[in-house]
Amino acid sequence: MRHLIKTLRRSLAAVAAISVLAAPAVAQDVARGEQVGRIQWGVWIDPDGCMHWMADGGLEQYQVNRLDPETGRPVCMKVNTCFSGDTDSMFHTDSYQLTDAARQRLQQVFSQSGVSGYAVYGHTDSRASHSYNQTLSEHRARAVANVGRSVGAVIEREIGFGETRPVASNNSASGMAQNRRVEVVCYRW
């Protein structure tokens, strides 16, 4: 019981600290005394699900690992790929418009209970130019993320990787088909 009370006190102190820090602060050029921007405070979650306190003033970003006060270890969420869909069945060729069936399936994926946030990653094969593949993967990741947002899911990040993270060889039709995909990663506590 004593441990529970101690943990609750620390949690409340952390929440109080966050609420004080959450208001944007004004950054000033001390030498000239002029205001140059605002500092945005928050928590950044890395791809491994570990949390970092951060302050972003526009020019530089400061961050520090969020540590568990009991163990001194980083606070991390459980991360797993909760959906991986081949883009051939989700989108028309050279398009980032979702099919109705894909939209319905994604609404189910993003409505899972026990998930605190999602990341969406778009991938392509290597048939087109790098810049085209990069743009297409970004648009597809955004289209999938927007479905999540439409059902109230918290989208932590959406990234298009283009052709840079293949899961199979691009030397065959079946390999290219495997590389054309969108992955949804779930963050759980």
N, C-alpha and C. Protein backbone atom coordinates (compact mmCIF):
# COMPACT_ATOMS: atom_id res chain seq x y z
N MET A 1 0.82 -1.18 0.00
CA MET A 1 0.00 0.00 0.00
C MET A 1 0.88 1.26 0.00
N ARG A 2 1.93 1.24 0.80
CA ARG A 2 2.84 2.38 0.88
C ARG A 2 3.48 2.64 -0.49
N HIS A 3 3.84 1.55 -1.20
CA HIS A 3 4.43 1.68 -2.54
C HIS A 3 3.43 2.31 -3.50
N LEU A 4 2.15 1.91 -3.41
CA LEU A 4 1.11 2.46 -4.28
C LEU A 4 0.95 3.96 -4.04
N ILE A 5 0.91 4.37 -2.80
CA ILE A 5 0.76 5.79 -2.48
C ILE A 5 1.96 6.59 -2.99
N LYS A 6 3.15 6.02 -2.82
CA LYS A 6 4.37 6.68 -3.29
C LYS A 6 4.33 6.85 -4.81
N THR A 7 3.90 5.80 -5.52
CA THR A 7 3.80 5.85 -6.98
C THR A 7 2.76 6.87 -7.41
N LEU A 8 1.61 6.91 -6.73
CA LEU A 8 0.57 7.89 -7.06
C LEU A 8 1.06 9.31 -6.86
N ARG A 9 1.77 9.56 -5.77
CA ARG A 9 2.30 10.90 -5.52
C ARG A 9 3.26 11.32 -6.64
N ARG A 10 4.13 10.42 -7.03
CA ARG A 10 5.08 10.74 -8.11
C ARG A 10 4.35 10.99 -9.42
N SER A 11 3.32 10.19 -9.70
CA SER A 11 2.55 10.37 -10.93
C SER A 11 1.85 11.72 -10.93
N LEU A 12 1.24 12.09 -9.80
CA LEU A 12 0.58 13.39 -9.71
C LEU A 12 1.57 14.53 -9.84
N ALA A 13 2.74 14.37 -9.28
CA ALA A 13 3.78 15.40 -9.41
C ALA A 13 4.20 15.55 -10.87
N ALA A 14 4.32 14.43 -11.57
CA ALA A 14 4.69 14.47 -12.99
C ALA A 14 3.60 15.15 -13.80
N VAL A 15 2.33 14.84 -13.52
CA VAL A 15 1.22 15.48 -14.24
C VAL A 15 1.22 16.97 -13.98
N ALA A 16 1.44 17.37 -12.73
CA ALA A 16 1.48 18.80 -12.39
C ALA A 16 2.62 19.49 -13.13
N ALA A 17 3.77 18.83 -13.20
CA ALA A 17 4.92 19.42 -13.90
C ALA A 17 4.63 19.56 -15.38
N ILE A 18 3.99 18.56 -15.96
CA ILE A 18 3.65 18.62 -17.39
C ILE A 18 2.68 19.76 -17.64
N SER A 19 1.66 19.91 -16.79
CA SER A 19 0.67 20.95 -17.02
C SER A 19 1.30 22.33 -16.91
N VAL A 20 2.27 22.51 -16.03
CA VAL A 20 2.95 23.79 -15.93
C VAL A 20 3.81 24.02 -17.17
N LEU A 21 4.48 22.97 -17.62
CA LEU A 21 5.37 23.10 -18.77
C LEU A 21 4.63 23.09 -20.10
N ALA A 22 3.39 22.65 -20.12
CA ALA A 22 2.66 22.49 -21.37
C ALA A 22 2.37 23.82 -22.05
N ALA A 23 2.22 24.90 -21.29
CA ALA A 23 1.96 26.20 -21.88
C ALA A 23 3.21 26.64 -22.64
N PRO A 24 3.03 27.10 -23.89
CA PRO A 24 4.20 27.52 -24.65
C PRO A 24 4.92 28.68 -23.96
N ALA A 25 6.21 28.59 -23.92
CA ALA A 25 7.01 29.67 -23.35
C ALA A 25 7.53 30.54 -24.48
N VAL A 26 7.82 31.76 -24.19
CA VAL A 26 8.33 32.67 -25.21
C VAL A 26 9.85 32.64 -25.16
N ALA A 27 10.47 32.36 -26.31
CA ALA A 27 11.93 32.37 -26.39
C ALA A 27 12.38 33.78 -26.75
N GLN A 28 13.43 34.24 -26.14
CA GLN A 28 13.91 35.59 -26.41
C GLN A 28 15.39 35.56 -26.74
N ASP A 29 15.77 36.45 -27.61
CA ASP A 29 17.19 36.66 -27.88
C ASP A 29 17.70 37.57 -26.77
N VAL A 30 18.41 36.98 -25.80
CA VAL A 30 18.82 37.71 -24.61
C VAL A 30 19.73 38.88 -24.97
N ALA A 31 20.62 38.69 -25.92
CA ALA A 31 21.57 39.74 -26.26
C ALA A 31 20.85 41.00 -26.78
N ARG A 32 19.81 40.83 -27.57
CA ARG A 32 19.11 41.98 -28.14
C ARG A 32 17.78 42.25 -27.44
N GLY A 33 17.33 41.31 -26.58
CA GLY A 33 16.08 41.52 -25.86
C GLY A 33 14.83 41.38 -26.71
N GLU A 34 14.93 40.71 -27.85
CA GLU A 34 13.75 40.57 -28.70
C GLU A 34 13.21 39.15 -28.68
N GLN A 35 11.91 39.06 -28.88
CA GLN A 35 11.24 37.75 -28.91
C GLN A 35 11.47 37.11 -30.27
N VAL A 36 11.90 35.84 -30.28
CA VAL A 36 12.19 35.17 -31.55
C VAL A 36 11.29 33.97 -31.82
N GLY A 37 10.49 33.54 -30.87
CA GLY A 37 9.61 32.40 -31.14
C GLY A 37 9.02 31.83 -29.87
N ARG A 38 8.39 30.69 -30.01
CA ARG A 38 7.77 30.02 -28.87
C ARG A 38 8.41 28.65 -28.70
N ILE A 39 8.46 28.20 -27.47
CA ILE A 39 8.98 26.87 -27.18
C ILE A 39 7.79 25.95 -26.96
N GLN A 40 7.74 24.87 -27.70
CA GLN A 40 6.68 23.88 -27.56
C GLN A 40 7.20 22.74 -26.70
N TRP A 41 6.49 22.42 -25.63
CA TRP A 41 6.86 21.35 -24.71
C TRP A 41 6.03 20.12 -25.02
N GLY A 42 6.56 18.95 -24.79
CA GLY A 42 5.77 17.76 -24.99
C GLY A 42 6.54 16.49 -24.69
N VAL A 43 5.92 15.40 -25.08
CA VAL A 43 6.52 14.08 -24.95
C VAL A 43 6.63 13.51 -26.35
N TRP A 44 7.83 13.07 -26.71
CA TRP A 44 8.07 12.45 -28.01
C TRP A 44 8.25 10.96 -27.78
N ILE A 45 7.61 10.16 -28.63
CA ILE A 45 7.74 8.70 -28.54
C ILE A 45 8.56 8.23 -29.72
N ASP A 46 9.67 7.57 -29.45
CA ASP A 46 10.53 7.10 -30.53
C ASP A 46 9.96 5.82 -31.15
N PRO A 47 10.51 5.37 -32.27
CA PRO A 47 9.98 4.17 -32.94
C PRO A 47 9.98 2.91 -32.08
N ASP A 48 10.81 2.87 -31.03
CA ASP A 48 10.82 1.72 -30.12
C ASP A 48 9.76 1.83 -29.04
N GLY A 49 9.01 2.94 -29.02
CA GLY A 49 7.96 3.13 -28.03
C GLY A 49 8.45 3.79 -26.75
N CYS A 50 9.71 4.22 -26.70
CA CYS A 50 10.24 4.87 -25.49
C CYS A 50 9.93 6.36 -25.53
N MET A 51 9.61 6.90 -24.35
CA MET A 51 9.17 8.29 -24.24
C MET A 51 10.34 9.20 -23.87
N HIS A 52 10.29 10.44 -24.40
CA HIS A 52 11.31 11.45 -24.13
C HIS A 52 10.60 12.77 -23.87
N TRP A 53 11.00 13.48 -22.80
CA TRP A 53 10.53 14.84 -22.60
C TRP A 53 11.23 15.69 -23.65
N MET A 54 10.52 16.65 -24.25
CA MET A 54 11.15 17.46 -25.27
C MET A 54 10.70 18.91 -25.19
N ALA A 55 11.56 19.79 -25.66
CA ALA A 55 11.26 21.21 -25.81
C ALA A 55 11.78 21.62 -27.17
N ASP A 56 10.92 22.19 -27.99
CA ASP A 56 11.30 22.58 -29.35
C ASP A 56 11.09 24.07 -29.50
N GLY A 57 12.18 24.79 -29.70
CA GLY A 57 12.10 26.23 -29.88
C GLY A 57 12.18 26.65 -31.33
N GLY A 58 12.15 25.71 -32.25
CA GLY A 58 12.19 26.04 -33.67
C GLY A 58 13.57 25.92 -34.27
N LEU A 59 14.59 26.38 -33.56
CA LEU A 59 15.95 26.29 -34.08
C LEU A 59 16.64 25.04 -33.60
N GLU A 60 16.45 24.73 -32.34
CA GLU A 60 17.04 23.54 -31.74
C GLU A 60 15.98 22.80 -30.97
N GLN A 61 16.20 21.54 -30.77
CA GLN A 61 15.28 20.75 -29.96
C GLN A 61 16.07 20.11 -28.83
N TYR A 62 15.53 20.19 -27.63
CA TYR A 62 16.14 19.58 -26.47
C TYR A 62 15.26 18.42 -26.04
N GLN A 63 15.86 17.30 -25.74
CA GLN A 63 15.07 16.18 -25.23
C GLN A 63 15.89 15.37 -24.24
N VAL A 64 15.16 14.71 -23.35
CA VAL A 64 15.78 13.86 -22.34
C VAL A 64 14.87 12.65 -22.15
N ASN A 65 15.47 11.51 -21.90
CA ASN A 65 14.68 10.29 -21.69
C ASN A 65 13.74 10.47 -20.51
N ARG A 66 12.54 9.95 -20.65
CA ARG A 66 11.62 9.90 -19.52
C ARG A 66 11.96 8.62 -18.76
N LEU A 67 12.33 8.74 -17.51
CA LEU A 67 12.77 7.59 -16.72
C LEU A 67 11.76 7.24 -15.63
N ASP A 68 11.64 5.96 -15.36
CA ASP A 68 10.83 5.48 -14.25
C ASP A 68 11.58 5.83 -12.97
N PRO A 69 10.96 6.58 -12.04
CA PRO A 69 11.69 6.98 -10.84
C PRO A 69 12.07 5.81 -9.94
N GLU A 70 11.34 4.70 -10.03
CA GLU A 70 11.65 3.53 -9.19
C GLU A 70 12.87 2.77 -9.69
N THR A 71 12.94 2.61 -11.02
CA THR A 71 13.99 1.76 -11.59
C THR A 71 15.10 2.53 -12.28
N GLY A 72 14.82 3.79 -12.66
CA GLY A 72 15.80 4.55 -13.41
C GLY A 72 15.88 4.15 -14.88
N ARG A 73 14.97 3.27 -15.31
CA ARG A 73 14.96 2.81 -16.70
C ARG A 73 14.02 3.67 -17.54
N PRO A 74 14.24 3.72 -18.86
CA PRO A 74 13.34 4.49 -19.73
C PRO A 74 11.91 3.94 -19.67
N VAL A 75 10.96 4.87 -19.78
CA VAL A 75 9.55 4.49 -19.83
C VAL A 75 9.22 4.18 -21.29
N CYS A 76 8.87 2.93 -21.57
CA CYS A 76 8.59 2.50 -22.94
C CYS A 76 7.25 1.76 -22.99
N MET A 77 6.61 1.89 -24.13
CA MET A 77 5.36 1.17 -24.35
C MET A 77 5.65 -0.09 -25.14
N LYS A 78 4.73 -1.03 -25.10
CA LYS A 78 4.85 -2.23 -25.92
C LYS A 78 4.47 -1.84 -27.35
N VAL A 79 5.32 -2.21 -28.29
CA VAL A 79 5.12 -1.85 -29.69
C VAL A 79 4.97 -3.12 -30.50
N ASN A 80 3.94 -3.16 -31.33
CA ASN A 80 3.82 -4.28 -32.26
C ASN A 80 3.11 -3.82 -33.52
N THR A 81 3.40 -4.48 -34.62
CA THR A 81 2.72 -4.19 -35.86
C THR A 81 1.35 -4.84 -35.79
N CYS A 82 0.31 -4.02 -35.72
CA CYS A 82 -1.04 -4.56 -35.57
C CYS A 82 -1.76 -4.69 -36.91
N PHE A 83 -1.15 -4.17 -37.98
CA PHE A 83 -1.74 -4.32 -39.31
C PHE A 83 -0.65 -4.10 -40.34
N SER A 84 -0.62 -4.96 -41.34
CA SER A 84 0.25 -4.77 -42.49
C SER A 84 -0.56 -5.15 -43.71
N GLY A 85 -0.83 -4.16 -44.54
CA GLY A 85 -1.67 -4.42 -45.71
C GLY A 85 -0.91 -4.18 -46.99
N ASP A 86 -1.12 -5.06 -47.95
CA ASP A 86 -0.48 -4.85 -49.25
C ASP A 86 -1.25 -3.75 -49.97
N THR A 87 -0.51 -2.82 -50.54
CA THR A 87 -1.15 -1.66 -51.16
C THR A 87 -1.89 -2.02 -52.44
N ASP A 88 -1.60 -3.19 -53.02
CA ASP A 88 -2.33 -3.60 -54.22
C ASP A 88 -3.81 -3.77 -53.94
N SER A 89 -4.15 -4.25 -52.73
CA SER A 89 -5.56 -4.43 -52.39
C SER A 89 -6.15 -3.21 -51.69
N MET A 90 -5.30 -2.31 -51.20
CA MET A 90 -5.79 -1.13 -50.48
C MET A 90 -5.97 0.09 -51.37
N PHE A 91 -5.12 0.21 -52.39
CA PHE A 91 -5.11 1.39 -53.26
C PHE A 91 -5.13 0.93 -54.71
N HIS A 92 -5.55 1.81 -55.60
CA HIS A 92 -5.40 1.55 -57.02
C HIS A 92 -3.94 1.84 -57.40
N THR A 93 -3.46 1.28 -58.49
CA THR A 93 -2.08 1.48 -58.92
C THR A 93 -1.79 2.98 -59.08
N ASP A 94 -0.63 3.40 -58.59
CA ASP A 94 -0.19 4.80 -58.66
C ASP A 94 -1.17 5.77 -58.02
N SER A 95 -1.89 5.32 -56.99
CA SER A 95 -2.88 6.16 -56.33
C SER A 95 -2.73 6.07 -54.82
N TYR A 96 -3.22 7.08 -54.14
CA TYR A 96 -3.26 7.03 -52.68
C TYR A 96 -4.69 7.17 -52.18
N GLN A 97 -5.66 6.90 -53.05
CA GLN A 97 -7.07 6.87 -52.66
C GLN A 97 -7.39 5.45 -52.19
N LEU A 98 -7.87 5.33 -50.95
CA LEU A 98 -8.19 4.02 -50.39
C LEU A 98 -9.46 3.45 -51.01
N THR A 99 -9.49 2.12 -51.16
CA THR A 99 -10.73 1.47 -51.58
C THR A 99 -11.69 1.46 -50.39
N ASP A 100 -12.98 1.27 -50.66
CA ASP A 100 -13.97 1.23 -49.58
C ASP A 100 -13.69 0.08 -48.62
N ALA A 101 -13.30 -1.07 -49.17
CA ALA A 101 -13.02 -2.24 -48.32
C ALA A 101 -11.83 -1.96 -47.40
N ALA A 102 -10.80 -1.32 -47.94
CA ALA A 102 -9.62 -1.00 -47.12
C ALA A 102 -9.99 0.00 -46.03
N ARG A 103 -10.80 0.98 -46.37
CA ARG A 103 -11.22 1.98 -45.37
C ARG A 103 -11.98 1.31 -44.22
N GLN A 104 -12.88 0.39 -44.55
CA GLN A 104 -13.65 -0.31 -43.51
C GLN A 104 -12.73 -1.16 -42.63
N ARG A 105 -11.80 -1.86 -43.24
CA ARG A 105 -10.87 -2.69 -42.48
C ARG A 105 -10.01 -1.83 -41.56
N LEU A 106 -9.53 -0.70 -42.06
CA LEU A 106 -8.69 0.19 -41.26
C LEU A 106 -9.47 0.81 -40.10
N GLN A 107 -10.74 1.10 -40.31
CA GLN A 107 -11.55 1.63 -39.21
C GLN A 107 -11.62 0.62 -38.06
N GLN A 108 -11.67 -0.67 -38.41
CA GLN A 108 -11.66 -1.71 -37.37
C GLN A 108 -10.30 -1.75 -36.67
N VAL A 109 -9.23 -1.66 -37.44
CA VAL A 109 -7.87 -1.70 -36.87
C VAL A 109 -7.69 -0.55 -35.89
N PHE A 110 -8.11 0.65 -36.28
CA PHE A 110 -7.90 1.84 -35.45
C PHE A 110 -8.90 1.94 -34.29
N SER A 111 -9.84 1.03 -34.20
CA SER A 111 -10.82 1.06 -33.11
C SER A 111 -10.51 0.04 -32.02
N GLN A 112 -9.32 -0.54 -32.04
CA GLN A 112 -8.93 -1.53 -31.03
C GLN A 112 -8.87 -0.89 -29.65
N SER A 113 -9.25 -1.64 -28.65
CA SER A 113 -9.14 -1.13 -27.29
C SER A 113 -7.75 -1.43 -26.73
N GLY A 114 -7.33 -0.64 -25.78
CA GLY A 114 -6.04 -0.86 -25.14
C GLY A 114 -4.86 -0.31 -25.90
N VAL A 115 -5.11 0.44 -26.96
CA VAL A 115 -4.03 1.02 -27.75
C VAL A 115 -3.97 2.51 -27.43
N SER A 116 -2.80 3.00 -27.05
CA SER A 116 -2.69 4.41 -26.69
C SER A 116 -2.28 5.29 -27.86
N GLY A 117 -1.74 4.71 -28.91
CA GLY A 117 -1.34 5.49 -30.07
C GLY A 117 -0.90 4.58 -31.21
N TYR A 118 -0.77 5.18 -32.38
CA TYR A 118 -0.42 4.43 -33.59
C TYR A 118 0.66 5.17 -34.37
N ALA A 119 1.43 4.41 -35.13
CA ALA A 119 2.33 4.95 -36.13
C ALA A 119 1.98 4.28 -37.45
N VAL A 120 2.04 5.03 -38.54
CA VAL A 120 1.70 4.49 -39.86
C VAL A 120 2.92 4.67 -40.76
N TYR A 121 3.34 3.58 -41.40
CA TYR A 121 4.51 3.59 -42.27
C TYR A 121 4.12 3.11 -43.66
N GLY A 122 4.43 3.92 -44.68
CA GLY A 122 4.16 3.56 -46.07
C GLY A 122 5.43 3.11 -46.76
N HIS A 123 5.30 2.10 -47.63
CA HIS A 123 6.45 1.53 -48.35
C HIS A 123 6.07 1.29 -49.81
N THR A 124 7.07 1.30 -50.69
CA THR A 124 6.85 1.00 -52.11
C THR A 124 7.90 0.00 -52.59
N ASP A 125 7.71 -0.45 -53.82
CA ASP A 125 8.77 -1.22 -54.47
C ASP A 125 9.72 -0.22 -55.12
N SER A 126 10.64 -0.69 -55.95
CA SER A 126 11.65 0.21 -56.52
C SER A 126 11.46 0.48 -58.01
N ARG A 127 10.25 0.22 -58.53
CA ARG A 127 10.06 0.40 -59.97
C ARG A 127 10.20 1.84 -60.45
N ALA A 128 9.63 2.79 -59.75
CA ALA A 128 9.66 4.19 -60.19
C ALA A 128 10.89 4.89 -59.60
N SER A 129 10.98 6.18 -59.84
CA SER A 129 12.11 6.94 -59.30
C SER A 129 12.00 7.03 -57.77
N HIS A 130 13.13 7.30 -57.16
CA HIS A 130 13.16 7.41 -55.70
C HIS A 130 12.21 8.51 -55.22
N SER A 131 12.24 9.68 -55.87
CA SER A 131 11.39 10.79 -55.41
C SER A 131 9.91 10.46 -55.58
N TYR A 132 9.55 9.79 -56.68
CA TYR A 132 8.15 9.41 -56.88
C TYR A 132 7.71 8.41 -55.81
N ASN A 133 8.54 7.40 -55.56
CA ASN A 133 8.21 6.39 -54.54
C ASN A 133 8.10 7.02 -53.16
N GLN A 134 8.99 7.95 -52.86
CA GLN A 134 8.96 8.61 -51.56
C GLN A 134 7.64 9.37 -51.38
N THR A 135 7.27 10.15 -52.38
CA THR A 135 6.03 10.93 -52.31
C THR A 135 4.82 10.02 -52.22
N LEU A 136 4.78 8.97 -53.03
CA LEU A 136 3.64 8.04 -53.01
C LEU A 136 3.50 7.38 -51.65
N SER A 137 4.62 6.95 -51.07
CA SER A 137 4.55 6.29 -49.75
C SER A 137 4.10 7.27 -48.67
N GLU A 138 4.51 8.52 -48.76
CA GLU A 138 4.06 9.53 -47.79
C GLU A 138 2.56 9.77 -47.91
N HIS A 139 2.07 9.90 -49.15
CA HIS A 139 0.63 10.12 -49.36
C HIS A 139 -0.19 8.92 -48.88
N ARG A 140 0.30 7.72 -49.12
CA ARG A 140 -0.43 6.53 -48.68
C ARG A 140 -0.43 6.43 -47.15
N ALA A 141 0.69 6.72 -46.52
CA ALA A 141 0.74 6.72 -45.05
C ALA A 141 -0.24 7.75 -44.50
N ARG A 142 -0.29 8.93 -45.12
CA ARG A 142 -1.21 9.98 -44.66
C ARG A 142 -2.66 9.55 -44.85
N ALA A 143 -2.99 8.90 -45.97
CA ALA A 143 -4.36 8.45 -46.21
C ALA A 143 -4.80 7.45 -45.14
N VAL A 144 -3.92 6.53 -44.80
CA VAL A 144 -4.24 5.53 -43.76
C VAL A 144 -4.34 6.22 -42.40
N ALA A 145 -3.42 7.12 -42.10
CA ALA A 145 -3.45 7.84 -40.81
C ALA A 145 -4.74 8.65 -40.68
N ASN A 146 -5.20 9.23 -41.77
CA ASN A 146 -6.43 10.03 -41.73
C ASN A 146 -7.65 9.18 -41.39
N VAL A 147 -7.65 7.91 -41.80
CA VAL A 147 -8.74 7.01 -41.40
C VAL A 147 -8.70 6.84 -39.88
N GLY A 148 -7.51 6.65 -39.34
CA GLY A 148 -7.38 6.54 -37.89
C GLY A 148 -7.88 7.77 -37.17
N ARG A 149 -7.48 8.94 -37.67
CA ARG A 149 -7.93 10.18 -37.04
C ARG A 149 -9.45 10.32 -37.11
N SER A 150 -10.05 9.84 -38.20
CA SER A 150 -11.50 9.97 -38.37
C SER A 150 -12.29 9.16 -37.35
N VAL A 151 -11.67 8.14 -36.76
CA VAL A 151 -12.36 7.35 -35.72
C VAL A 151 -11.81 7.67 -34.33
N GLY A 152 -11.04 8.75 -34.22
CA GLY A 152 -10.56 9.21 -32.92
C GLY A 152 -9.27 8.59 -32.44
N ALA A 153 -8.55 7.88 -33.30
CA ALA A 153 -7.28 7.28 -32.90
C ALA A 153 -6.20 8.36 -32.81
N VAL A 154 -5.25 8.16 -31.90
CA VAL A 154 -4.12 9.07 -31.76
C VAL A 154 -3.01 8.57 -32.68
N ILE A 155 -2.70 9.35 -33.70
CA ILE A 155 -1.64 8.99 -34.64
C ILE A 155 -0.38 9.73 -34.19
N GLU A 156 0.58 8.97 -33.68
CA GLU A 156 1.82 9.56 -33.18
C GLU A 156 2.74 10.00 -34.31
N ARG A 157 2.73 9.25 -35.40
CA ARG A 157 3.57 9.61 -36.54
C ARG A 157 3.07 8.91 -37.79
N GLU A 158 3.33 9.53 -38.92
CA GLU A 158 3.08 8.92 -40.22
C GLU A 158 4.31 9.19 -41.07
N ILE A 159 4.89 8.13 -41.58
CA ILE A 159 6.15 8.26 -42.32
C ILE A 159 6.07 7.44 -43.60
N GLY A 160 6.50 8.04 -44.69
CA GLY A 160 6.67 7.31 -45.94
C GLY A 160 8.14 6.98 -46.11
N PHE A 161 8.44 5.71 -46.28
CA PHE A 161 9.82 5.28 -46.44
C PHE A 161 10.20 5.03 -47.90
N GLY A 162 9.23 5.15 -48.81
CA GLY A 162 9.53 4.89 -50.21
C GLY A 162 10.02 3.47 -50.39
N GLU A 163 11.12 3.32 -51.11
CA GLU A 163 11.67 2.00 -51.42
C GLU A 163 12.81 1.61 -50.48
N THR A 164 13.03 2.39 -49.42
CA THR A 164 14.24 2.22 -48.60
C THR A 164 14.19 1.08 -47.60
N ARG A 165 13.03 0.48 -47.36
CA ARG A 165 12.94 -0.60 -46.37
C ARG A 165 12.22 -1.82 -46.96
N PRO A 166 12.84 -2.45 -47.95
CA PRO A 166 12.18 -3.63 -48.55
C PRO A 166 12.20 -4.82 -47.59
N VAL A 167 11.18 -5.66 -47.72
CA VAL A 167 11.15 -6.91 -46.95
C VAL A 167 11.45 -8.10 -47.85
N ALA A 168 11.56 -7.84 -49.15
CA ALA A 168 11.86 -8.89 -50.13
C ALA A 168 12.64 -8.25 -51.28
N SER A 169 13.18 -9.08 -52.14
CA SER A 169 13.94 -8.60 -53.28
C SER A 169 13.00 -7.91 -54.28
N ASN A 170 13.45 -6.83 -54.87
CA ASN A 170 12.68 -6.15 -55.91
C ASN A 170 12.98 -6.72 -57.29
N ASN A 171 13.66 -7.88 -57.34
CA ASN A 171 14.00 -8.50 -58.62
C ASN A 171 12.92 -9.41 -59.16
N SER A 172 11.83 -9.58 -58.42
CA SER A 172 10.73 -10.44 -58.89
C SER A 172 9.41 -9.74 -58.61
N ALA A 173 8.38 -10.14 -59.35
CA ALA A 173 7.05 -9.56 -59.16
C ALA A 173 6.52 -9.84 -57.76
N SER A 174 6.75 -11.05 -57.26
CA SER A 174 6.25 -11.38 -55.92
C SER A 174 6.99 -10.58 -54.84
N GLY A 175 8.28 -10.37 -55.02
CA GLY A 175 9.05 -9.57 -54.07
C GLY A 175 8.59 -8.12 -54.06
N MET A 176 8.37 -7.57 -55.27
CA MET A 176 7.89 -6.19 -55.35
C MET A 176 6.52 -6.05 -54.69
N ALA A 177 5.66 -7.04 -54.88
CA ALA A 177 4.33 -7.00 -54.26
C ALA A 177 4.42 -6.98 -52.74
N GLN A 178 5.37 -7.73 -52.18
CA GLN A 178 5.55 -7.73 -50.72
C GLN A 178 6.06 -6.38 -50.21
N ASN A 179 6.84 -5.70 -51.03
CA ASN A 179 7.40 -4.41 -50.62
C ASN A 179 6.39 -3.27 -50.68
N ARG A 180 5.35 -3.42 -51.50
CA ARG A 180 4.30 -2.40 -51.59
C ARG A 180 3.32 -2.64 -50.44
N ARG A 181 3.51 -1.91 -49.33
CA ARG A 181 2.70 -2.17 -48.14
C ARG A 181 2.57 -0.92 -47.29
N VAL A 182 1.56 -0.97 -46.42
CA VAL A 182 1.40 0.04 -45.37
C VAL A 182 1.32 -0.71 -44.05
N GLU A 183 2.12 -0.29 -43.08
CA GLU A 183 2.13 -0.93 -41.76
C GLU A 183 1.57 0.03 -40.72
N VAL A 184 0.76 -0.53 -39.82
CA VAL A 184 0.24 0.24 -38.69
C VAL A 184 0.84 -0.38 -37.43
N VAL A 185 1.56 0.42 -36.67
CA VAL A 185 2.18 -0.02 -35.43
C VAL A 185 1.34 0.48 -34.26
N CYS A 186 1.08 -0.41 -33.30
CA CYS A 186 0.28 -0.08 -32.12
C CYS A 186 1.19 0.12 -30.91
N TYR A 187 0.93 1.17 -30.16
CA TYR A 187 1.62 1.42 -28.89
C TYR A 187 0.66 1.07 -27.77
N ARG A 188 1.09 0.16 -26.90
CA ARG A 188 0.28 -0.26 -25.76
C ARG A 188 1.10 -0.12 -24.49
N TRP A 189 0.43 0.09 -23.37
CA TRP A 189 1.11 0.17 -22.07
C TRP A 189 1.25 -1.19 -21.49
